[in-house]
PDB file of N, CA and C in Angstrom:
ATOM      1  N   UNK A   1      12.530   2.096  24.977  1.00  0.00           N
ATOM      2  CA  UNK A   1      13.570   2.047  23.979  1.00  0.00           C
ATOM      3  C   UNK A   1      13.174   2.925  22.791  1.00  0.00           C
ATOM      4  N   UNK A   2      14.074   3.740  22.306  1.00  0.00           N
ATOM      5  CA  UNK A   2      13.800   4.638  21.196  1.00  0.00           C
ATOM      6  C   UNK A   2      13.565   3.849  19.915  1.00  0.00           C
ATOM      7  N   UNK A   3      12.673   4.359  19.071  1.00  0.00           N
ATOM      8  CA  UNK A   3      12.412   3.722  17.794  1.00  0.00           C
ATOM      9  C   UNK A   3      11.344   2.638  17.838  1.00  0.00           C
ATOM     10  N   UNK A   4      10.829   2.350  19.004  1.00  0.00           N
ATOM     11  CA  UNK A   4       9.787   1.324  19.131  1.00  0.00           C
ATOM     12  C   UNK A   4       8.439   1.917  18.751  1.00  0.00           C
ATOM     13  N   UNK A   5       7.598   1.098  18.133  1.00  0.00           N
ATOM     14  CA  UNK A   5       6.254   1.548  17.792  1.00  0.00           C
ATOM     15  C   UNK A   5       5.223   0.498  18.203  1.00  0.00           C
ATOM     16  N   UNK A   6       5.361  -0.009  19.390  1.00  0.00           N
ATOM     17  CA  UNK A   6       4.438  -0.978  19.979  1.00  0.00           C
ATOM     18  C   UNK A   6       4.351  -2.282  19.202  1.00  0.00           C
ATOM     19  N   UNK A   7       5.432  -2.688  18.551  1.00  0.00           N
ATOM     20  CA  UNK A   7       5.480  -3.983  17.899  1.00  0.00           C
ATOM     21  C   UNK A   7       4.864  -4.048  16.519  1.00  0.00           C
ATOM     22  N   UNK A   8       4.225  -2.998  16.059  1.00  0.00           N
ATOM     23  CA  UNK A   8       3.595  -3.032  14.739  1.00  0.00           C
ATOM     24  C   UNK A   8       4.320  -2.104  13.792  1.00  0.00           C
ATOM     25  N   UNK A   9       4.743  -2.649  12.670  1.00  0.00           N
ATOM     26  CA  UNK A   9       5.396  -1.805  11.676  1.00  0.00           C
ATOM     27  C   UNK A   9       4.380  -1.254  10.690  1.00  0.00           C
ATOM     28  N   UNK A  10       3.099  -1.582  10.893  1.00  0.00           N
ATOM     29  CA  UNK A  10       2.055  -1.142   9.978  1.00  0.00           C
ATOM     30  C   UNK A  10       1.189  -0.036  10.547  1.00  0.00           C
ATOM     31  N   UNK A  11       1.690   0.691  11.530  1.00  0.00           N
ATOM     32  CA  UNK A  11       0.942   1.775  12.131  1.00  0.00           C
ATOM     33  C   UNK A  11       0.897   2.952  11.170  1.00  0.00           C
ATOM     34  N   UNK A  12      -0.312   3.396  10.837  1.00  0.00           N
ATOM     35  CA  UNK A  12      -0.461   4.519   9.926  1.00  0.00           C
ATOM     36  C   UNK A  12      -0.222   5.834  10.657  1.00  0.00           C
ATOM     37  N   UNK A  13       0.526   6.701  10.035  1.00  0.00           N
ATOM     38  CA  UNK A  13       0.757   8.021  10.608  1.00  0.00           C
ATOM     39  C   UNK A  13      -0.536   8.823  10.552  1.00  0.00           C
ATOM     40  N   UNK A  14      -1.293   8.644   9.471  1.00  0.00           N
ATOM     41  CA  UNK A  14      -2.585   9.307   9.302  1.00  0.00           C
ATOM     42  C   UNK A  14      -3.650   8.209   9.196  1.00  0.00           C
ATOM     43  N   UNK A  15      -4.274   7.821  10.311  1.00  0.00           N
ATOM     44  CA  UNK A  15      -5.233   6.709  10.293  1.00  0.00           C
ATOM     45  C   UNK A  15      -6.383   6.916   9.308  1.00  0.00           C
ATOM     46  N   UNK A  16      -6.744   8.158   9.020  1.00  0.00           N
ATOM     47  CA  UNK A  16      -7.829   8.434   8.090  1.00  0.00           C
ATOM     48  C   UNK A  16      -7.475   7.999   6.663  1.00  0.00           C
ATOM     49  N   UNK A  17      -6.216   7.719   6.392  1.00  0.00           N
ATOM     50  CA  UNK A  17      -5.785   7.303   5.064  1.00  0.00           C
ATOM     51  C   UNK A  17      -6.031   5.816   4.816  1.00  0.00           C
ATOM     52  N   UNK A  18      -6.492   5.092   5.807  1.00  0.00           N
ATOM     53  CA  UNK A  18      -6.672   3.647   5.685  1.00  0.00           C
ATOM     54  C   UNK A  18      -7.574   3.268   4.512  1.00  0.00           C
ATOM     55  N   UNK A  19      -8.706   3.930   4.356  1.00  0.00           N
ATOM     56  CA  UNK A  19      -9.636   3.584   3.275  1.00  0.00           C
ATOM     57  C   UNK A  19      -8.983   3.792   1.913  1.00  0.00           C
ATOM     58  N   UNK A  20      -8.248   4.881   1.748  1.00  0.00           N
ATOM     59  CA  UNK A  20      -7.577   5.148   0.475  1.00  0.00           C
ATOM     60  C   UNK A  20      -6.493   4.109   0.202  1.00  0.00           C
ATOM     61  N   UNK A  21      -5.766   3.697   1.221  1.00  0.00           N
ATOM     62  CA  UNK A  21      -4.735   2.682   1.044  1.00  0.00           C
ATOM     63  C   UNK A  21      -5.347   1.329   0.694  1.00  0.00           C
ATOM     64  N   UNK A  22      -6.469   0.989   1.316  1.00  0.00           N
ATOM     65  CA  UNK A  22      -7.152  -0.263   0.991  1.00  0.00           C
ATOM     66  C   UNK A  22      -7.629  -0.246  -0.460  1.00  0.00           C
ATOM     67  N   UNK A  23      -8.183   0.878  -0.891  1.00  0.00           N
ATOM     68  CA  UNK A  23      -8.635   1.007  -2.272  1.00  0.00           C
ATOM     69  C   UNK A  23      -7.456   0.867  -3.230  1.00  0.00           C
ATOM     70  N   UNK A  24      -6.345   1.497  -2.884  1.00  0.00           N
ATOM     71  CA  UNK A  24      -5.141   1.414  -3.718  1.00  0.00           C
ATOM     72  C   UNK A  24      -4.657  -0.035  -3.798  1.00  0.00           C
ATOM     73  N   UNK A  25      -4.731  -0.763  -2.698  1.00  0.00           N
ATOM     74  CA  UNK A  25      -4.292  -2.159  -2.677  1.00  0.00           C
ATOM     75  C   UNK A  25      -5.125  -2.996  -3.643  1.00  0.00           C
ATOM     76  N   UNK A  26      -6.438  -2.825  -3.616  1.00  0.00           N
ATOM     77  CA  UNK A  26      -7.299  -3.610  -4.494  1.00  0.00           C
ATOM     78  C   UNK A  26      -7.117  -3.219  -5.954  1.00  0.00           C
ATOM     79  N   UNK A  27      -6.938  -1.927  -6.231  1.00  0.00           N
ATOM     80  CA  UNK A  27      -6.694  -1.488  -7.604  1.00  0.00           C
ATOM     81  C   UNK A  27      -5.369  -2.044  -8.123  1.00  0.00           C
ATOM     82  N   UNK A  28      -4.333  -1.994  -7.285  1.00  0.00           N
ATOM     83  CA  UNK A  28      -3.025  -2.499  -7.687  1.00  0.00           C
ATOM     84  C   UNK A  28      -3.085  -4.000  -7.935  1.00  0.00           C
ATOM     85  N   UNK A  29      -3.758  -4.730  -7.071  1.00  0.00           N
ATOM     86  CA  UNK A  29      -3.885  -6.178  -7.236  1.00  0.00           C
ATOM     87  C   UNK A  29      -4.596  -6.504  -8.540  1.00  0.00           C
ATOM     88  N   UNK A  30      -5.627  -5.738  -8.857  1.00  0.00           N
ATOM     89  CA  UNK A  30      -6.358  -5.967 -10.095  1.00  0.00           C
ATOM     90  C   UNK A  30      -5.453  -5.716 -11.308  1.00  0.00           C
ATOM     91  N   UNK A  31      -4.682  -4.628 -11.274  1.00  0.00           N
ATOM     92  CA  UNK A  31      -3.779  -4.311 -12.372  1.00  0.00           C
ATOM     93  C   UNK A  31      -2.702  -5.388 -12.544  1.00  0.00           C
ATOM     94  N   UNK A  32      -2.246  -5.958 -11.436  1.00  0.00           N
ATOM     95  CA  UNK A  32      -1.195  -6.969 -11.478  1.00  0.00           C
ATOM     96  C   UNK A  32      -1.731  -8.382 -11.677  1.00  0.00           C
ATOM     97  N   UNK A  33      -3.053  -8.542 -11.628  1.00  0.00           N
ATOM     98  CA  UNK A  33      -3.647  -9.869 -11.773  1.00  0.00           C
ATOM     99  C   UNK A  33      -3.472 -10.739 -10.548  1.00  0.00           C
ATOM    100  N   UNK A  34      -3.411 -10.119  -9.379  1.00  0.00           N
ATOM    101  CA  UNK A  34      -3.228 -10.840  -8.114  1.00  0.00           C
ATOM    102  C   UNK A  34      -4.566 -10.900  -7.392  1.00  0.00           C
ATOM    103  N   UNK A  35      -4.913 -12.068  -6.878  1.00  0.00           N
ATOM    104  CA  UNK A  35      -6.159 -12.258  -6.149  1.00  0.00           C
ATOM    105  C   UNK A  35      -5.927 -11.973  -4.662  1.00  0.00           C
ATOM    106  N   UNK A  36      -6.612 -10.971  -4.113  1.00  0.00           N
ATOM    107  CA  UNK A  36      -6.536 -10.643  -2.688  1.00  0.00           C
ATOM    108  C   UNK A  36      -7.438 -11.616  -1.927  1.00  0.00           C
ATOM    109  N   UNK A  37      -6.954 -12.231  -0.841  1.00  0.00           N
ATOM    110  CA  UNK A  37      -7.794 -13.155  -0.066  1.00  0.00           C
ATOM    111  C   UNK A  37      -9.029 -12.430   0.491  1.00  0.00           C
ATOM    112  N   UNK A  38     -10.198 -12.929   0.168  1.00  0.00           N
ATOM    113  CA  UNK A  38     -11.444 -12.290   0.602  1.00  0.00           C
ATOM    114  C   UNK A  38     -11.680 -12.413   2.105  1.00  0.00           C
ATOM    115  N   UNK A  39     -11.110 -13.451   2.723  1.00  0.00           N
ATOM    116  CA  UNK A  39     -11.327 -13.648   4.156  1.00  0.00           C
ATOM    117  C   UNK A  39     -10.323 -12.864   5.008  1.00  0.00           C
ATOM    118  N   UNK A  40      -9.391 -12.165   4.357  1.00  0.00           N
ATOM    119  CA  UNK A  40      -8.422 -11.363   5.097  1.00  0.00           C
ATOM    120  C   UNK A  40      -7.218 -12.144   5.595  1.00  0.00           C
ATOM    121  N   UNK A  41      -7.190 -13.461   5.354  1.00  0.00           N
ATOM    122  CA  UNK A  41      -6.069 -14.287   5.802  1.00  0.00           C
ATOM    123  C   UNK A  41      -5.012 -14.343   4.706  1.00  0.00           C
ATOM    124  N   UNK A  42      -3.833 -13.815   4.995  1.00  0.00           N
ATOM    125  CA  UNK A  42      -2.767 -13.753   4.008  1.00  0.00           C
ATOM    126  C   UNK A  42      -1.729 -14.859   4.193  1.00  0.00           C
ATOM    127  N   UNK A  43      -2.016 -15.856   5.022  1.00  0.00           N
ATOM    128  CA  UNK A  43      -1.081 -16.934   5.290  1.00  0.00           C
ATOM    129  C   UNK A  43      -0.728 -17.758   4.070  1.00  0.00           C
ATOM    130  N   UNK A  44      -1.638 -17.844   3.123  1.00  0.00           N
ATOM    131  CA  UNK A  44      -1.390 -18.604   1.906  1.00  0.00           C
ATOM    132  C   UNK A  44      -1.046 -17.699   0.721  1.00  0.00           C
ATOM    133  N   UNK A  45      -0.864 -16.430   0.978  1.00  0.00           N
ATOM    134  CA  UNK A  45      -0.530 -15.450  -0.051  1.00  0.00           C
ATOM    135  C   UNK A  45       0.955 -15.627  -0.374  1.00  0.00           C
ATOM    136  N   UNK A  46       1.305 -15.760  -1.652  1.00  0.00           N
ATOM    137  CA  UNK A  46       2.704 -16.024  -1.982  1.00  0.00           C
ATOM    138  C   UNK A  46       3.589 -14.810  -1.707  1.00  0.00           C
ATOM    139  N   UNK A  47       4.823 -15.093  -1.370  1.00  0.00           N
ATOM    140  CA  UNK A  47       5.793 -14.033  -1.104  1.00  0.00           C
ATOM    141  C   UNK A  47       5.996 -13.183  -2.347  1.00  0.00           C
ATOM    142  N   UNK A  48       6.016 -13.821  -3.500  1.00  0.00           N
ATOM    143  CA  UNK A  48       6.189 -13.093  -4.761  1.00  0.00           C
ATOM    144  C   UNK A  48       5.040 -12.112  -4.980  1.00  0.00           C
ATOM    145  N   UNK A  49       3.808 -12.558  -4.756  1.00  0.00           N
ATOM    146  CA  UNK A  49       2.655 -11.677  -4.930  1.00  0.00           C
ATOM    147  C   UNK A  49       2.663 -10.538  -3.922  1.00  0.00           C
ATOM    148  N   UNK A  50       3.002 -10.845  -2.677  1.00  0.00           N
ATOM    149  CA  UNK A  50       3.058  -9.808  -1.649  1.00  0.00           C
ATOM    150  C   UNK A  50       4.121  -8.764  -2.001  1.00  0.00           C
ATOM    151  N   UNK A  51       5.272  -9.213  -2.457  1.00  0.00           N
ATOM    152  CA  UNK A  51       6.341  -8.292  -2.832  1.00  0.00           C
ATOM    153  C   UNK A  51       5.978  -7.461  -4.039  1.00  0.00           C
ATOM    154  N   UNK A  52       5.349  -8.075  -5.026  1.00  0.00           N
ATOM    155  CA  UNK A  52       4.922  -7.340  -6.209  1.00  0.00           C
ATOM    156  C   UNK A  52       3.896  -6.274  -5.851  1.00  0.00           C
ATOM    157  N   UNK A  53       2.940  -6.655  -5.026  1.00  0.00           N
ATOM    158  CA  UNK A  53       1.892  -5.727  -4.624  1.00  0.00           C
ATOM    159  C   UNK A  53       2.466  -4.581  -3.794  1.00  0.00           C
ATOM    160  N   UNK A  54       3.315  -4.911  -2.825  1.00  0.00           N
ATOM    161  CA  UNK A  54       3.920  -3.872  -1.990  1.00  0.00           C
ATOM    162  C   UNK A  54       4.805  -2.931  -2.782  1.00  0.00           C
ATOM    163  N   UNK A  55       5.583  -3.481  -3.704  1.00  0.00           N
ATOM    164  CA  UNK A  55       6.445  -2.652  -4.535  1.00  0.00           C
ATOM    165  C   UNK A  55       5.653  -1.734  -5.435  1.00  0.00           C
ATOM    166  N   UNK A  56       4.576  -2.256  -6.013  1.00  0.00           N
ATOM    167  CA  UNK A  56       3.724  -1.455  -6.892  1.00  0.00           C
ATOM    168  C   UNK A  56       3.103  -0.299  -6.124  1.00  0.00           C
ATOM    169  N   UNK A  57       2.568  -0.599  -4.941  1.00  0.00           N
ATOM    170  CA  UNK A  57       1.938   0.429  -4.119  1.00  0.00           C
ATOM    171  C   UNK A  57       2.965   1.479  -3.703  1.00  0.00           C
ATOM    172  N   UNK A  58       4.150   1.043  -3.319  1.00  0.00           N
ATOM    173  CA  UNK A  58       5.198   1.986  -2.928  1.00  0.00           C
ATOM    174  C   UNK A  58       5.566   2.905  -4.078  1.00  0.00           C
ATOM    175  N   UNK A  59       5.747   2.346  -5.275  1.00  0.00           N
ATOM    176  CA  UNK A  59       6.055   3.183  -6.447  1.00  0.00           C
ATOM    177  C   UNK A  59       4.945   4.181  -6.707  1.00  0.00           C
ATOM    178  N   UNK A  60       3.689   3.751  -6.577  1.00  0.00           N
ATOM    179  CA  UNK A  60       2.540   4.631  -6.816  1.00  0.00           C
ATOM    180  C   UNK A  60       2.502   5.757  -5.772  1.00  0.00           C
ATOM    181  N   UNK A  61       2.758   5.422  -4.504  1.00  0.00           N
ATOM    182  CA  UNK A  61       2.758   6.444  -3.449  1.00  0.00           C
ATOM    183  C   UNK A  61       3.888   7.460  -3.654  1.00  0.00           C
ATOM    184  N   UNK A  62       5.049   6.986  -4.070  1.00  0.00           N
ATOM    185  CA  UNK A  62       6.166   7.895  -4.349  1.00  0.00           C
ATOM    186  C   UNK A  62       5.804   8.796  -5.520  1.00  0.00           C
ATOM    187  N   UNK A  63       5.184   8.238  -6.546  1.00  0.00           N
ATOM    188  CA  UNK A  63       4.771   9.027  -7.707  1.00  0.00           C
ATOM    189  C   UNK A  63       3.784  10.118  -7.294  1.00  0.00           C
ATOM    190  N   UNK A  64       2.810   9.766  -6.455  1.00  0.00           N
ATOM    191  CA  UNK A  64       1.834  10.746  -5.977  1.00  0.00           C
ATOM    192  C   UNK A  64       2.531  11.850  -5.188  1.00  0.00           C
ATOM    193  N   UNK A  65       3.447  11.476  -4.300  1.00  0.00           N
ATOM    194  CA  UNK A  65       4.170  12.465  -3.495  1.00  0.00           C
ATOM    195  C   UNK A  65       5.001  13.392  -4.376  1.00  0.00           C
ATOM    196  N   UNK A  66       5.676  12.827  -5.370  1.00  0.00           N
ATOM    197  CA  UNK A  66       6.479  13.654  -6.276  1.00  0.00           C
ATOM    198  C   UNK A  66       5.609  14.635  -7.037  1.00  0.00           C
ATOM    199  N   UNK A  67       4.436  14.192  -7.476  1.00  0.00           N
ATOM    200  CA  UNK A  67       3.529  15.079  -8.203  1.00  0.00           C
ATOM    201  C   UNK A  67       3.015  16.183  -7.299  1.00  0.00           C
ATOM    202  N   UNK A  68       2.717  15.846  -6.049  1.00  0.00           N
ATOM    203  CA  UNK A  68       2.256  16.867  -5.108  1.00  0.00           C
ATOM    204  C   UNK A  68       3.351  17.879  -4.823  1.00  0.00           C
ATOM    205  N   UNK A  69       4.585  17.408  -4.684  1.00  0.00           N
ATOM    206  CA  UNK A  69       5.696  18.312  -4.405  1.00  0.00           C
ATOM    207  C   UNK A  69       6.012  19.215  -5.598  1.00  0.00           C
ATOM    208  N   UNK A  70       5.741  18.704  -6.801  1.00  0.00           N
ATOM    209  CA  UNK A  70       6.015  19.511  -7.981  1.00  0.00           C
ATOM    210  C   UNK A  70       4.871  20.468  -8.295  1.00  0.00           C
ATOM    211  N   UNK A  71       3.777  20.370  -7.541  1.00  0.00           N
ATOM    212  CA  UNK A  71       2.655  21.277  -7.742  1.00  0.00           C
ATOM    213  C   UNK A  71       1.627  20.752  -8.718  1.00  0.00           C
ATOM    214  N   UNK A  72       1.804  19.558  -9.221  1.00  0.00           N
ATOM    215  CA  UNK A  72       0.857  18.981 -10.160  1.00  0.00           C
ATOM    216  C   UNK A  72      -0.356  18.460  -9.411  1.00  0.00           C
ATOM    217  N   UNK A  73      -1.545  18.647  -9.986  1.00  0.00           N
ATOM    218  CA  UNK A  73      -2.751  18.145  -9.347  1.00  0.00           C
ATOM    219  C   UNK A  73      -3.179  16.816  -9.970  1.00  0.00           C
ATOM    220  N   UNK A  74      -2.445  16.319 -10.941  1.00  0.00           N
ATOM    221  CA  UNK A  74      -2.745  15.043 -11.597  1.00  0.00           C
ATOM    222  C   UNK A  74      -2.168  13.902 -10.770  1.00  0.00           C
ATOM    223  N   UNK A  75      -2.990  12.904 -10.360  1.00  0.00           N
ATOM    224  CA  UNK A  75      -2.524  11.795  -9.536  1.00  0.00           C
ATOM    225  C   UNK A  75      -2.318  10.522 -10.331  1.00  0.00           C
ATOM    226  N   UNK A  76      -2.797  10.405 -11.541  1.00  0.00           N
ATOM    227  CA  UNK A  76      -2.661   9.151 -12.284  1.00  0.00           C
ATOM    228  C   UNK A  76      -1.902   9.359 -13.541  1.00  0.00           C
TER     229      UNK A  76
END
């Protein structure tokens, strides 16, 4: 079936970017005052915190892409 990606919507197009995305997640959580579960289990992570963190990261990634497209070398 077209559009399938083996059941995972979290497949990275560039797997080498994983470390940078993890770092961004922890930095964003720190800025937002959100505690990331140290054991990796997000079952008790609130929906509000997950949405805030995801939205923040998405805005940051869009900002980085816009800066790259405009020719700016400044990322922050």
